[in-house]
Amino acid sequence: MNSIVQLMNSYKKNNEEYFEILRKISKNPKSSQRQLAKELGISLGKLNYCVKELRQKGLIKIENFKKNKNKINYLYVLTPQGISSKTKMTINFMKRKLKEYDVLRMEVLKEKERKENINE
């Protein structure tokens, strides 16, 4: 049972990382992997692994700059499937954040009510 929980946590973490990478790529497709890794706070190796996974899943395309003599630079483009996936991830992210907000709001209200009862 413990391994199932670990697997689910790992899956959730990967999805969050993929979501953040897709967000960064959609904002700036010309970012280098080094720049993306720095902005995301992850290692370059981990970002490279994630980018390959996203490409394998068909969520991004990787292209060389056509007229650039330095063929190391790439352009990362979200595919239609990548845009759809990013949209779904955004919706799920917002749902999670709204649930967290509701839980915190209830805790604050309960604490406020408890203090009012103490002061009476």
Protein backbone atom coordinates (compact mmCIF):
# COMPACT_ATOMS: atom_id res chain seq x y z
CA MET A 1 0.00 0.00 0.00
CA ASN A 2 2.85 2.38 0.85
CA SER A 3 4.40 1.91 -2.60
CA ILE A 4 1.06 2.87 -4.22
CA VAL A 5 0.99 6.12 -2.24
CA GLN A 6 4.59 6.85 -3.23
CA LEU A 7 3.76 6.14 -6.88
CA MET A 8 0.74 8.47 -6.75
CA ASN A 9 2.80 11.22 -5.10
CA SER A 10 5.50 10.80 -7.74
CA TYR A 11 2.88 11.00 -10.51
CA LYS A 12 1.39 14.16 -9.00
CA LYS A 13 4.83 15.77 -8.67
CA ASN A 14 5.74 14.88 -12.28
CA ASN A 15 2.47 16.37 -13.54
CA GLU A 16 3.15 19.59 -11.62
CA GLU A 17 6.66 19.77 -13.08
CA TYR A 18 5.38 19.08 -16.59
CA PHE A 19 2.70 21.74 -16.10
CA GLU A 20 5.29 24.33 -15.05
CA ILE A 21 7.55 23.42 -17.98
CA LEU A 22 4.65 23.71 -20.44
CA ARG A 23 3.75 27.10 -18.95
CA LYS A 24 7.31 28.38 -19.31
CA ILE A 25 7.64 27.05 -22.85
CA SER A 26 4.35 28.61 -23.93
CA LYS A 27 5.49 31.98 -22.56
CA ASN A 28 8.96 31.85 -24.12
CA PRO A 29 9.52 29.09 -26.72
CA LYS A 30 13.07 30.33 -27.41
CA SER A 31 14.27 29.72 -23.84
CA SER A 32 17.31 27.51 -23.50
CA GLN A 33 17.14 24.45 -21.30
CA ARG A 34 19.67 26.07 -18.99
CA GLN A 35 17.46 29.14 -18.66
CA LEU A 36 14.32 27.05 -18.11
CA ALA A 37 16.05 24.89 -15.48
CA LYS A 38 17.21 27.98 -13.61
CA GLU A 39 13.74 29.58 -13.69
CA LEU A 40 12.08 26.35 -12.54
CA GLY A 41 14.67 25.63 -9.84
CA ILE A 42 15.51 22.16 -11.14
CA SER A 43 18.70 20.62 -12.49
CA LEU A 44 19.52 20.81 -16.18
CA GLY A 45 19.57 17.00 -16.36
CA LYS A 46 16.10 16.73 -14.85
CA LEU A 47 14.75 19.36 -17.23
CA ASN A 48 16.31 17.53 -20.18
CA TYR A 49 14.63 14.30 -19.04
CA CYS A 50 11.26 16.07 -18.66
CA VAL A 51 11.55 17.76 -22.07
CA LYS A 52 12.26 14.39 -23.68
CA GLU A 53 9.22 12.90 -21.90
CA LEU A 54 7.00 15.76 -23.05
CA ARG A 55 8.26 15.31 -26.60
CA GLN A 56 7.67 11.55 -26.44
CA LYS A 57 4.11 12.15 -25.21
CA GLY A 58 3.57 14.46 -28.19
CA LEU A 59 3.04 17.56 -26.07
CA ILE A 60 5.93 19.59 -27.52
CA LYS A 61 7.98 19.74 -30.69
CA ILE A 62 11.65 20.66 -30.65
CA GLU A 63 13.03 22.51 -33.66
CA ASN A 64 16.37 24.09 -34.54
CA PHE A 65 16.44 27.76 -35.45
CA LYS A 66 16.59 27.55 -39.22
CA LYS A 67 18.86 30.53 -39.91
CA ASN A 68 21.02 30.31 -36.80
CA LYS A 69 24.60 29.13 -37.37
CA ASN A 70 24.69 27.82 -33.80
CA LYS A 71 22.61 24.64 -34.14
CA ILE A 72 22.59 24.16 -30.37
CA ASN A 73 19.69 26.61 -29.98
CA TYR A 74 16.22 25.11 -30.14
CA LEU A 75 12.67 26.32 -30.34
CA TYR A 76 10.15 24.52 -28.14
CA VAL A 77 6.62 24.54 -29.51
CA LEU A 78 3.51 23.22 -27.80
CA THR A 79 1.58 20.88 -30.06
CA PRO A 80 -2.23 21.02 -30.18
CA GLN A 81 -2.18 18.03 -27.81
CA GLY A 82 0.26 19.96 -25.58
CA ILE A 83 -2.02 22.99 -25.51
CA SER A 84 -4.98 20.78 -24.61
CA SER A 85 -2.99 18.99 -21.91
CA LYS A 86 -1.73 22.30 -20.48
CA THR A 87 -5.31 23.58 -20.36
CA LYS A 88 -6.48 20.47 -18.48
CA MET A 89 -3.54 20.75 -16.08
CA THR A 90 -4.38 24.43 -15.50
CA ILE A 91 -7.98 23.57 -14.67
CA ASN A 92 -6.88 20.81 -12.27
CA PHE A 93 -4.34 23.17 -10.68
CA MET A 94 -7.04 25.81 -10.13
CA LYS A 95 -9.43 23.22 -8.66
CA ARG A 96 -6.74 22.09 -6.19
CA LYS A 97 -5.97 25.66 -5.19
CA LEU A 98 -9.66 26.45 -4.69
CA LYS A 99 -10.02 23.39 -2.45
CA GLU A 100 -6.97 24.48 -0.45
CA TYR A 101 -8.46 27.96 -0.15
CA ASP A 102 -11.79 26.57 1.08
CA VAL A 103 -10.06 24.40 3.70
CA LEU A 104 -7.97 27.34 4.94
CA ARG A 105 -11.01 29.63 4.98
CA MET A 106 -12.92 27.11 7.12
CA GLU A 107 -9.96 26.83 9.51
CA VAL A 108 -9.83 30.61 9.87
CA LEU A 109 -13.58 30.83 10.47
CA LYS A 110 -13.43 28.06 13.08
CA GLU A 111 -10.51 29.74 14.83
CA LYS A 112 -12.30 33.09 14.77
CA GLU A 113 -15.45 31.46 16.19
CA ARG A 114 -13.40 29.70 18.88
CA LYS A 115 -11.80 33.00 19.95
CA GLU A 116 -15.18 34.73 20.05
CA ASN A 117 -16.53 31.96 22.28
CA ILE A 118 -13.55 32.33 24.62
CA ASN A 119 -14.06 36.09 24.88
CA GLU A 120 -17.75 35.76 25.79
